[in-house]
PDB file of N, CA and C in Angstrom:
ATOM      1  N   MET A   1     128.351 112.801  76.040  1.00  0.00           N
ATOM      2  CA  MET A   1     128.538 113.517  77.285  1.00  0.00           C
ATOM      3  C   MET A   1     127.271 113.456  78.140  1.00  0.00           C
ATOM      4  N   LEU A   2     126.121 113.700  77.535  1.00  0.00           N
ATOM      5  CA  LEU A   2     124.854 113.681  78.260  1.00  0.00           C
ATOM      6  C   LEU A   2     124.588 112.304  78.850  1.00  0.00           C
ATOM      7  N   ILE A   3     124.945 111.259  78.111  1.00  0.00           N
ATOM      8  CA  ILE A   3     124.757 109.897  78.607  1.00  0.00           C
ATOM      9  C   ILE A   3     125.628 109.663  79.838  1.00  0.00           C
ATOM     10  N   CYS A   4     126.853 110.171  79.833  1.00  0.00           N
ATOM     11  CA  CYS A   4     127.741 110.025  80.990  1.00  0.00           C
ATOM     12  C   CYS A   4     127.162 110.720  82.212  1.00  0.00           C
ATOM     13  N   ILE A   5     126.613 111.883  82.036  1.00  0.00           N
ATOM     14  CA  ILE A   5     126.006 112.618  83.145  1.00  0.00           C
ATOM     15  C   ILE A   5     124.801 111.855  83.675  1.00  0.00           C
ATOM     16  N   ALA A   6     123.979 111.331  82.771  1.00  0.00           N
ATOM     17  CA  ALA A   6     122.801 110.568  83.189  1.00  0.00           C
ATOM     18  C   ALA A   6     123.210 109.317  83.958  1.00  0.00           C
ATOM     19  N   LEU A   7     124.227 108.615  83.473  1.00  0.00           N
ATOM     20  CA  LEU A   7     124.704 107.422  84.176  1.00  0.00           C
ATOM     21  C   LEU A   7     125.292 107.776  85.534  1.00  0.00           C
ATOM     22  N   ALA A   8     126.026 108.874  85.607  1.00  0.00           N
ATOM     23  CA  ALA A   8     126.583 109.306  86.888  1.00  0.00           C
ATOM     24  C   ALA A   8     125.468 109.622  87.872  1.00  0.00           C
ATOM     25  N   PHE A   9     124.423 110.277  87.401  1.00  0.00           N
ATOM     26  CA  PHE A   9     123.292 110.592  88.275  1.00  0.00           C
ATOM     27  C   PHE A   9     122.610 109.316  88.741  1.00  0.00           C
ATOM     28  N   LEU A  10     122.466 108.368  87.839  1.00  0.00           N
ATOM     29  CA  LEU A  10     121.816 107.112  88.178  1.00  0.00           C
ATOM     30  C   LEU A  10     122.579 106.363  89.264  1.00  0.00           C
ATOM     31  N   PHE A  11     123.903 106.306  89.133  1.00  0.00           N
ATOM     32  CA  PHE A  11     124.702 105.536  90.084  1.00  0.00           C
ATOM     33  C   PHE A  11     125.152 106.328  91.305  1.00  0.00           C
ATOM     34  N   LEU A  12     125.285 107.625  91.200  1.00  0.00           N
ATOM     35  CA  LEU A  12     125.793 108.426  92.303  1.00  0.00           C
ATOM     36  C   LEU A  12     124.845 109.542  92.709  1.00  0.00           C
ATOM     37  N   GLY A  13     123.756 109.671  92.002  1.00  0.00           N
ATOM     38  CA  GLY A  13     122.891 110.820  92.177  1.00  0.00           C
ATOM     39  C   GLY A  13     122.064 110.819  93.427  1.00  0.00           C
ATOM     40  N   CYS A  14     121.310 111.900  93.573  1.00  0.00           N
ATOM     41  CA  CYS A  14     120.424 112.094  94.702  1.00  0.00           C
ATOM     42  C   CYS A  14     119.023 112.344  94.180  1.00  0.00           C
ATOM     43  N   ASP A  15     118.067 112.058  95.027  1.00  0.00           N
ATOM     44  CA  ASP A  15     116.699 112.469  94.783  1.00  0.00           C
ATOM     45  C   ASP A  15     116.118 112.872  96.124  1.00  0.00           C
ATOM     46  N   SER A  16     114.831 113.034  96.220  1.00  0.00           N
ATOM     47  CA  SER A  16     114.211 113.493  97.463  1.00  0.00           C
ATOM     48  C   SER A  16     114.358 112.479  98.592  1.00  0.00           C
ATOM     49  N   LYS A  17     114.682 111.229  98.267  1.00  0.00           N
ATOM     50  CA  LYS A  17     114.851 110.198  99.287  1.00  0.00           C
ATOM     51  C   LYS A  17     116.312 110.009  99.668  1.00  0.00           C
ATOM     52  N   GLY A  18     117.216 110.774  99.097  1.00  0.00           N
ATOM     53  CA  GLY A  18     118.628 110.658  99.436  1.00  0.00           C
ATOM     54  C   GLY A  18     119.442 110.100  98.291  1.00  0.00           C
ATOM     55  N   THR A  19     120.636 109.674  98.619  1.00  0.00           N
ATOM     56  CA  THR A  19     121.534 109.133  97.613  1.00  0.00           C
ATOM     57  C   THR A  19     121.075 107.755  97.172  1.00  0.00           C
ATOM     58  N   THR A  20     121.666 107.279  96.101  1.00  0.00           N
ATOM     59  CA  THR A  20     121.364 105.925  95.637  1.00  0.00           C
ATOM     60  C   THR A  20     121.659 104.919  96.740  1.00  0.00           C
ATOM     61  N   LYS A  21     122.744 105.136  97.484  1.00  0.00           N
ATOM     62  CA  LYS A  21     123.072 104.241  98.599  1.00  0.00           C
ATOM     63  C   LYS A  21     121.953 104.241  99.634  1.00  0.00           C
ATOM     64  N   ASP A  22     121.380 105.397  99.917  1.00  0.00           N
ATOM     65  CA  ASP A  22     120.270 105.471 100.873  1.00  0.00           C
ATOM     66  C   ASP A  22     119.047 104.711 100.375  1.00  0.00           C
ATOM     67  N   ILE A  23     118.794 104.763  99.095  1.00  0.00           N
ATOM     68  CA  ILE A  23     117.659 104.033  98.523  1.00  0.00           C
ATOM     69  C   ILE A  23     117.885 102.530  98.661  1.00  0.00           C
ATOM     70  N   VAL A  24     119.101 102.083  98.372  1.00  0.00           N
ATOM     71  CA  VAL A  24     119.439 100.669  98.536  1.00  0.00           C
ATOM     72  C   VAL A  24     119.337 100.283 100.009  1.00  0.00           C
ATOM     73  N   ASN A  25     119.858 101.137 100.903  1.00  0.00           N
ATOM     74  CA  ASN A  25     119.767 100.863 102.341  1.00  0.00           C
ATOM     75  C   ASN A  25     118.316 100.727 102.791  1.00  0.00           C
ATOM     76  N   ALA A  26     117.435 101.543 102.245  1.00  0.00           N
ATOM     77  CA  ALA A  26     116.012 101.462 102.602  1.00  0.00           C
ATOM     78  C   ALA A  26     115.424 100.118 102.184  1.00  0.00           C
ATOM     79  N   HIS A  27     115.791  99.629 101.006  1.00  0.00           N
ATOM     80  CA  HIS A  27     115.298  98.323 100.549  1.00  0.00           C
ATOM     81  C   HIS A  27     115.840  97.192 101.423  1.00  0.00           C
ATOM     82  N   ILE A  28     117.122  97.253 101.734  1.00  0.00           N
ATOM     83  CA  ILE A  28     117.722  96.239 102.608  1.00  0.00           C
ATOM     84  C   ILE A  28     117.049  96.263 103.970  1.00  0.00           C
ATOM     85  N   THR A  29     116.835  97.452 104.496  1.00  0.00           N
ATOM     86  CA  THR A  29     116.212  97.616 105.812  1.00  0.00           C
ATOM     87  C   THR A  29     114.785  97.102 105.815  1.00  0.00           C
ATOM     88  N   ARG A  30     114.032  97.393 104.775  1.00  0.00           N
ATOM     89  CA  ARG A  30     112.641  96.933 104.685  1.00  0.00           C
ATOM     90  C   ARG A  30     112.582  95.401 104.771  1.00  0.00           C
ATOM     91  N   ASN A  31     113.477  94.736 104.078  1.00  0.00           N
ATOM     92  CA  ASN A  31     113.514  93.265 104.128  1.00  0.00           C
ATOM     93  C   ASN A  31     113.972  92.765 105.491  1.00  0.00           C
ATOM     94  N   SER A  32     114.935  93.426 106.081  1.00  0.00           N
ATOM     95  CA  SER A  32     115.421  93.035 107.399  1.00  0.00           C
ATOM     96  C   SER A  32     114.350  93.209 108.464  1.00  0.00           C
ATOM     97  N   LEU A  33     113.553  94.256 108.345  1.00  0.00           N
ATOM     98  CA  LEU A  33     112.459  94.479 109.291  1.00  0.00           C
ATOM     99  C   LEU A  33     111.495  93.295 109.301  1.00  0.00           C
ATOM    100  N   LYS A  34     111.256  92.723 108.145  1.00  0.00           N
ATOM    101  CA  LYS A  34     110.360  91.563 108.062  1.00  0.00           C
ATOM    102  C   LYS A  34     110.913  90.396 108.870  1.00  0.00           C
ATOM    103  N   ASN A  35     112.229  90.212 108.832  1.00  0.00           N
ATOM    104  CA  ASN A  35     112.850  89.143 109.617  1.00  0.00           C
ATOM    105  C   ASN A  35     112.727  89.405 111.114  1.00  0.00           C
ATOM    106  N   VAL A  36     112.880  90.659 111.519  1.00  0.00           N
ATOM    107  CA  VAL A  36     112.730  90.989 112.937  1.00  0.00           C
ATOM    108  C   VAL A  36     111.286  90.753 113.363  1.00  0.00           C
ATOM    109  N   MET A  37     110.335  91.075 112.508  1.00  0.00           N
ATOM    110  CA  MET A  37     108.931  90.836 112.831  1.00  0.00           C
ATOM    111  C   MET A  37     108.658  89.342 113.016  1.00  0.00           C
ATOM    112  N   ILE A  38     109.271  88.513 112.196  1.00  0.00           N
ATOM    113  CA  ILE A  38     109.130  87.058 112.357  1.00  0.00           C
ATOM    114  C   ILE A  38     109.727  86.629 113.697  1.00  0.00           C
ATOM    115  N   ALA A  39     110.901  87.163 114.032  1.00  0.00           N
ATOM    116  CA  ALA A  39     111.540  86.832 115.314  1.00  0.00           C
ATOM    117  C   ALA A  39     110.665  87.269 116.482  1.00  0.00           C
ATOM    118  N   LEU A  40     110.007  88.417 116.360  1.00  0.00           N
ATOM    119  CA  LEU A  40     109.108  88.886 117.421  1.00  0.00           C
ATOM    120  C   LEU A  40     107.907  87.951 117.579  1.00  0.00           C
ATOM    121  N   GLU A  41     107.379  87.467 116.472  1.00  0.00           N
ATOM    122  CA  GLU A  41     106.244  86.535 116.544  1.00  0.00           C
ATOM    123  C   GLU A  41     106.667  85.210 117.174  1.00  0.00           C
ATOM    124  N   LEU A  42     107.839  84.714 116.820  1.00  0.00           N
ATOM    125  CA  LEU A  42     108.344  83.477 117.420  1.00  0.00           C
ATOM    126  C   LEU A  42     108.568  83.659 118.921  1.00  0.00           C
ATOM    127  N   TYR A  43     109.087  84.816 119.292  1.00  0.00           N
ATOM    128  CA  TYR A  43     109.284  85.133 120.705  1.00  0.00           C
ATOM    129  C   TYR A  43     107.944  85.115 121.438  1.00  0.00           C
ATOM    130  N   LYS A  44     106.950  85.766 120.855  1.00  0.00           N
ATOM    131  CA  LYS A  44     105.627  85.814 121.495  1.00  0.00           C
ATOM    132  C   LYS A  44     105.035  84.409 121.633  1.00  0.00           C
ATOM    133  N   ASN A  45     105.203  83.589 120.611  1.00  0.00           N
ATOM    134  CA  ASN A  45     104.700  82.209 120.697  1.00  0.00           C
ATOM    135  C   ASN A  45     105.364  81.435 121.822  1.00  0.00           C
ATOM    136  N   GLU A  46     106.650  81.686 122.043  1.00  0.00           N
ATOM    137  CA  GLU A  46     107.381  80.956 123.075  1.00  0.00           C
ATOM    138  C   GLU A  46     107.138  81.508 124.482  1.00  0.00           C
ATOM    139  N   PHE A  47     107.101  82.842 124.626  1.00  0.00           N
ATOM    140  CA  PHE A  47     107.041  83.458 125.947  1.00  0.00           C
ATOM    141  C   PHE A  47     105.683  84.082 126.290  1.00  0.00           C
ATOM    142  N   GLY A  48     104.744  84.065 125.347  1.00  0.00           N
ATOM    143  CA  GLY A  48     103.399  84.547 125.635  1.00  0.00           C
ATOM    144  C   GLY A  48     103.176  86.037 125.464  1.00  0.00           C
ATOM    145  N   GLU A  49     104.224  86.785 125.213  1.00  0.00           N
ATOM    146  CA  GLU A  49     104.102  88.226 124.975  1.00  0.00           C
ATOM    147  C   GLU A  49     105.344  88.707 124.231  1.00  0.00           C
ATOM    148  N   TYR A  50     105.234  89.902 123.663  1.00  0.00           N
ATOM    149  CA  TYR A  50     106.382  90.490 122.970  1.00  0.00           C
ATOM    150  C   TYR A  50     107.396  90.970 124.003  1.00  0.00           C
ATOM    151  N   PRO A  51     108.673  91.028 123.623  1.00  0.00           N
ATOM    152  CA  PRO A  51     109.679  91.533 124.567  1.00  0.00           C
ATOM    153  C   PRO A  51     109.491  93.030 124.808  1.00  0.00           C
ATOM    154  N   MET A  52     109.974  93.493 125.947  1.00  0.00           N
ATOM    155  CA  MET A  52     109.912  94.926 126.243  1.00  0.00           C
ATOM    156  C   MET A  52     110.874  95.710 125.347  1.00  0.00           C
ATOM    157  N   THR A  53     112.005  95.090 125.008  1.00  0.00           N
ATOM    158  CA  THR A  53     113.013  95.737 124.169  1.00  0.00           C
ATOM    159  C   THR A  53     113.554  94.725 123.163  1.00  0.00           C
ATOM    160  N   LEU A  54     114.208  95.224 122.138  1.00  0.00           N
ATOM    161  CA  LEU A  54     114.860  94.317 121.185  1.00  0.00           C
ATOM    162  C   LEU A  54     116.058  93.622 121.827  1.00  0.00           C
ATOM    163  N   ASP A  55     116.708  94.289 122.784  1.00  0.00           N
ATOM    164  CA  ASP A  55     117.800  93.639 123.504  1.00  0.00           C
ATOM    165  C   ASP A  55     117.291  92.429 124.292  1.00  0.00           C
ATOM    166  N   GLU A  56     116.090  92.539 124.848  1.00  0.00           N
ATOM    167  CA  GLU A  56     115.500  91.401 125.553  1.00  0.00           C
ATOM    168  C   GLU A  56     115.247  90.243 124.585  1.00  0.00           C
ATOM    169  N   LEU A  57     114.802  90.561 123.374  1.00  0.00           N
ATOM    170  CA  LEU A  57     114.616  89.535 122.346  1.00  0.00           C
ATOM    171  C   LEU A  57     115.919  88.777 122.129  1.00  0.00           C
ATOM    172  N   LEU A  58     117.003  89.507 121.953  1.00  0.00           N
ATOM    173  CA  LEU A  58     118.302  88.871 121.727  1.00  0.00           C
ATOM    174  C   LEU A  58     118.740  88.057 122.933  1.00  0.00           C
ATOM    175  N   MET A  59     118.643  88.668 124.111  1.00  0.00           N
ATOM    176  CA  MET A  59     119.142  88.029 125.319  1.00  0.00           C
ATOM    177  C   MET A  59     118.397  86.718 125.623  1.00  0.00           C
ATOM    178  N   ARG A  60     117.080  86.760 125.595  1.00  0.00           N
ATOM    179  CA  ARG A  60     116.301  85.569 125.962  1.00  0.00           C
ATOM    180  C   ARG A  60     116.404  84.465 124.920  1.00  0.00           C
ATOM    181  N   LYS A  61     116.730  84.825 123.684  1.00  0.00           N
ATOM    182  CA  LYS A  61     116.894  83.810 122.643  1.00  0.00           C
ATOM    183  C   LYS A  61     118.361  83.400 122.485  1.00  0.00           C
ATOM    184  N   GLY A  62     119.261  83.982 123.284  1.00  0.00           N
ATOM    185  CA  GLY A  62     120.670  83.622 123.239  1.00  0.00           C
ATOM    186  C   GLY A  62     121.388  84.093 121.986  1.00  0.00           C
ATOM    187  N   ILE A  63     120.904  85.173 121.416  1.00  0.00           N
ATOM    188  CA  ILE A  63     121.509  85.708 120.195  1.00  0.00           C
ATOM    189  C   ILE A  63     122.542  86.756 120.580  1.00  0.00           C
ATOM    190  N   THR A  64     123.768  86.595 120.104  1.00  0.00           N
ATOM    191  CA  THR A  64     124.830  87.547 120.441  1.00  0.00           C
ATOM    192  C   THR A  64     125.101  88.544 119.323  1.00  0.00           C
ATOM    193  N   GLU A  65     124.594  88.300 118.154  1.00  0.00           N
ATOM    194  CA  GLU A  65     124.823  89.180 116.993  1.00  0.00           C
ATOM    195  C   GLU A  65     123.794  90.311 116.972  1.00  0.00           C
ATOM    196  N   ARG A  66     124.205  91.506 117.377  1.00  0.00           N
ATOM    197  CA  ARG A  66     123.298  92.656 117.436  1.00  0.00           C
ATOM    198  C   ARG A  66     122.870  93.170 116.064  1.00  0.00           C
ATOM    199  N   SER A  67     123.604  92.836 115.032  1.00  0.00           N
ATOM    200  CA  SER A  67     123.299  93.402 113.713  1.00  0.00           C
ATOM    201  C   SER A  67     121.904  93.020 113.214  1.00  0.00           C
ATOM    202  N   ILE A  68     121.310  91.961 113.758  1.00  0.00           N
ATOM    203  CA  ILE A  68     119.972  91.587 113.296  1.00  0.00           C
ATOM    204  C   ILE A  68     118.907  92.575 113.748  1.00  0.00           C
ATOM    205  N   ILE A  69     119.216  93.409 114.748  1.00  0.00           N
ATOM    206  CA  ILE A  69     118.250  94.420 115.180  1.00  0.00           C
ATOM    207  C   ILE A  69     118.685  95.819 114.751  1.00  0.00           C
ATOM    208  N   GLU A  70     119.565  95.869 113.748  1.00  0.00           N
ATOM    209  CA  GLU A  70     120.048  97.141 113.224  1.00  0.00           C
ATOM    210  C   GLU A  70     119.678  97.286 111.762  1.00  0.00           C
ATOM    211  N   ASP A  71     119.450  98.526 111.354  1.00  0.00           N
ATOM    212  CA  ASP A  71     119.131  98.804 109.957  1.00  0.00           C
ATOM    213  C   ASP A  71     120.406  98.880 109.128  1.00  0.00           C
ATOM    214  N   ALA A  72     120.271  99.179 107.867  1.00  0.00           N
ATOM    215  CA  ALA A  72     121.422  99.234 106.964  1.00  0.00           C
ATOM    216  C   ALA A  72     122.339 100.420 107.249  1.00  0.00           C
ATOM    217  N   TRP A  73     121.886 101.368 108.065  1.00  0.00           N
ATOM    218  CA  TRP A  73     122.716 102.495 108.505  1.00  0.00           C
ATOM    219  C   TRP A  73     123.405 102.167 109.829  1.00  0.00           C
ATOM    220  N   GLU A  74     123.256 100.904 110.283  1.00  0.00           N
ATOM    221  CA  GLU A  74     123.857 100.378 111.507  1.00  0.00           C
ATOM    222  C   GLU A  74     123.322 101.051 112.767  1.00  0.00           C
ATOM    223  N   ARG A  75     122.015 101.378 112.738  1.00  0.00           N
ATOM    224  CA  ARG A  75     121.329 101.930 113.909  1.00  0.00           C
ATOM    225  C   ARG A  75     120.262 100.940 114.365  1.00  0.00           C
ATOM    226  N   THR A  76     120.105 100.814 115.672  1.00  0.00           N
ATOM    227  CA  THR A  76     119.090  99.922 116.216  1.00  0.00           C
ATOM    228  C   THR A  76     117.707 100.396 115.783  1.00  0.00           C
ATOM    229  N   TYR A  77     116.860  99.438 115.425  1.00  0.00           N
ATOM    230  CA  TYR A  77     115.492  99.768 115.040  1.00  0.00           C
ATOM    231  C   TYR A  77     114.743 100.451 116.170  1.00  0.00           C
ATOM    232  N   HIS A  78     113.799 101.282 115.816  1.00  0.00           N
ATOM    233  CA  HIS A  78     112.905 101.906 116.790  1.00  0.00           C
ATOM    234  C   HIS A  78     111.831 100.867 117.102  1.00  0.00           C
ATOM    235  N   TYR A  79     111.767 100.460 118.374  1.00  0.00           N
ATOM    236  CA  TYR A  79     110.822  99.428 118.802  1.00  0.00           C
ATOM    237  C   TYR A  79     110.177  99.872 120.094  1.00  0.00           C
ATOM    238  N   VAL A  80     108.851  99.815 120.137  1.00  0.00           N
ATOM    239  CA  VAL A  80     108.105 100.104 121.359  1.00  0.00           C
ATOM    240  C   VAL A  80     107.004  99.070 121.489  1.00  0.00           C
ATOM    241  N   LYS A  81     107.000  98.380 122.636  1.00  0.00           N
ATOM    242  CA  LYS A  81     105.913  97.442 122.926  1.00  0.00           C
ATOM    243  C   LYS A  81     104.740  98.250 123.469  1.00  0.00           C
ATOM    244  N   ILE A  82     103.563  98.010 122.916  1.00  0.00           N
ATOM    245  CA  ILE A  82     102.349  98.697 123.357  1.00  0.00           C
ATOM    246  C   ILE A  82     101.305  97.622 123.634  1.00  0.00           C
ATOM    247  N   GLU A  83     101.102  97.344 124.920  1.00  0.00           N
ATOM    248  CA  GLU A  83     100.172  96.301 125.361  1.00  0.00           C
ATOM    249  C   GLU A  83     100.466  94.998 124.630  1.00  0.00           C
ATOM    250  N   ASP A  84      99.561  94.520 123.766  1.00  0.00           N
ATOM    251  CA  ASP A  84      99.747  93.243 123.092  1.00  0.00           C
ATOM    252  C   ASP A  84     100.180  93.414 121.629  1.00  0.00           C
ATOM    253  N   THR A  85     100.807  94.530 121.334  1.00  0.00           N
ATOM    254  CA  THR A  85     101.314  94.773 119.987  1.00  0.00           C
ATOM    255  C   THR A  85     102.606  95.580 120.102  1.00  0.00           C
ATOM    256  N   TYR A  86     103.108  96.072 118.997  1.00  0.00           N
ATOM    257  CA  TYR A  86     104.346  96.850 119.021  1.00  0.00           C
ATOM    258  C   TYR A  86     104.411  97.769 117.803  1.00  0.00           C
ATOM    259  N   VAL A  87     105.330  98.723 117.881  1.00  0.00           N
ATOM    260  CA  VAL A  87     105.680  99.591 116.761  1.00  0.00           C
ATOM    261  C   VAL A  87     107.139  99.299 116.453  1.00  0.00           C
ATOM    262  N   LEU A  88     107.442  99.061 115.186  1.00  0.00           N
ATOM    263  CA  LEU A  88     108.802  98.735 114.772  1.00  0.00           C
ATOM    264  C   LEU A  88     109.091  99.411 113.444  1.00  0.00           C
ATOM    265  N   PHE A  89     110.174 100.173 113.392  1.00  0.00           N
ATOM    266  CA  PHE A  89     110.607 100.781 112.135  1.00  0.00           C
ATOM    267  C   PHE A  89     112.045 101.261 112.256  1.00  0.00           C
ATOM    268  N   SER A  90     112.631 101.594 111.120  1.00  0.00           N
ATOM    269  CA  SER A  90     113.958 102.189 111.074  1.00  0.00           C
ATOM    270  C   SER A  90     113.806 103.706 111.042  1.00  0.00           C
ATOM    271  N   LYS A  91     114.715 104.394 111.700  1.00  0.00           N
ATOM    272  CA  LYS A  91     114.694 105.856 111.696  1.00  0.00           C
ATOM    273  C   LYS A  91     115.289 106.428 110.409  1.00  0.00           C
ATOM    274  N   GLY A  92     115.673 105.565 109.488  1.00  0.00           N
ATOM    275  CA  GLY A  92     116.137 106.007 108.177  1.00  0.00           C
ATOM    276  C   GLY A  92     117.474 106.715 108.207  1.00  0.00           C
ATOM    277  N   ARG A  93     117.770 107.368 107.103  1.00  0.00           N
ATOM    278  CA  ARG A  93     119.100 107.964 106.928  1.00  0.00           C
ATOM    279  C   ARG A  93     119.395 109.077 107.914  1.00  0.00           C
ATOM    280  N   ASP A  94     118.357 109.816 108.371  1.00  0.00           N
ATOM    281  CA  ASP A  94     118.635 110.925 109.297  1.00  0.00           C
ATOM    282  C   ASP A  94     118.735 110.478 110.747  1.00  0.00           C
ATOM    283  N   GLY A  95     118.357 109.236 111.050  1.00  0.00           N
ATOM    284  CA  GLY A  95     118.472 108.719 112.398  1.00  0.00           C
ATOM    285  C   GLY A  95     117.473 109.284 113.391  1.00  0.00           C
ATOM    286  N   LYS A  96     116.476 110.003 112.899  1.00  0.00           N
ATOM    287  CA  LYS A  96     115.472 110.611 113.769  1.00  0.00           C
ATOM    288  C   LYS A  96     114.125 109.929 113.549  1.00  0.00           C
ATOM    289  N   PRO A  97     113.443 109.539 114.647  1.00  0.00           N
ATOM    290  CA  PRO A  97     112.141 108.886 114.468  1.00  0.00           C
ATOM    291  C   PRO A  97     111.066 109.867 114.042  1.00  0.00           C
ATOM    292  N   PHE A  98     110.079 109.332 113.360  1.00  0.00           N
ATOM    293  CA  PHE A  98     108.878 110.070 112.947  1.00  0.00           C
ATOM    294  C   PHE A  98     109.182 111.196 111.961  1.00  0.00           C
ATOM    295  N   THR A  99     110.116 110.923 111.037  1.00  0.00           N
ATOM    296  CA  THR A  99     110.397 111.856 109.943  1.00  0.00           C
ATOM    297  C   THR A  99     110.094 111.155 108.620  1.00  0.00           C
ATOM    298  N   SER A 100     110.157 111.892 107.555  1.00  0.00           N
ATOM    299  CA  SER A 100     109.725 111.367 106.254  1.00  0.00           C
ATOM    300  C   SER A 100     110.601 110.244 105.710  1.00  0.00           C
ATOM    301  N   ASP A 101     111.820 110.092 106.229  1.00  0.00           N
ATOM    302  CA  ASP A 101     112.676 109.031 105.699  1.00  0.00           C
ATOM    303  C   ASP A 101     112.645 107.753 106.538  1.00  0.00           C
ATOM    304  N   ASP A 102     111.750 107.678 107.525  1.00  0.00           N
ATOM    305  CA  ASP A 102     111.596 106.440 108.289  1.00  0.00           C
ATOM    306  C   ASP A 102     111.268 105.287 107.336  1.00  0.00           C
ATOM    307  N   VAL A 103     111.752 104.097 107.673  1.00  0.00           N
ATOM    308  CA  VAL A 103     111.534 102.918 106.831  1.00  0.00           C
ATOM    309  C   VAL A 103     110.676 101.919 107.612  1.00  0.00           C
ATOM    310  N   HIS A 104     109.549 101.543 107.024  1.00  0.00           N
ATOM    311  CA  HIS A 104     108.637 100.562 107.608  1.00  0.00           C
ATOM    312  C   HIS A 104     108.630  99.312 106.747  1.00  0.00           C
ATOM    313  N   SER A 105     108.187  98.203 107.304  1.00  0.00           N
ATOM    314  CA  SER A 105     108.203  96.939 106.561  1.00  0.00           C
ATOM    315  C   SER A 105     107.162  96.892 105.465  1.00  0.00           C
ATOM    316  N   ARG A 106     106.102  97.631 105.609  1.00  0.00           N
ATOM    317  CA  ARG A 106     104.962  97.703 104.681  1.00  0.00           C
ATOM    318  C   ARG A 106     104.226  96.463 104.631  1.00  0.00           C
TER     319      ARG A 106
END
């Protein structure tokens, strides 16, 4: 019985970071963020600066699939261009920026 409870917690349980699904979503999002960062660097190499928005990245590169700029919770990444750099992260499971569940590429 105890083993069944432990297995249920492992597969369906929660911890301080959310459900197991949220933990998996964070890992997927972290990897996806790295791809967006590569796309931003390629954009900068081609156009001389980072885009003002992620939509501009898609539009100028002719990309119609919006999911590449969305996290595993299907929310658009938080992106702000600041002079010659940018801030990019997922707002995490709560969908609010600058909270403890935000996901960064690391």
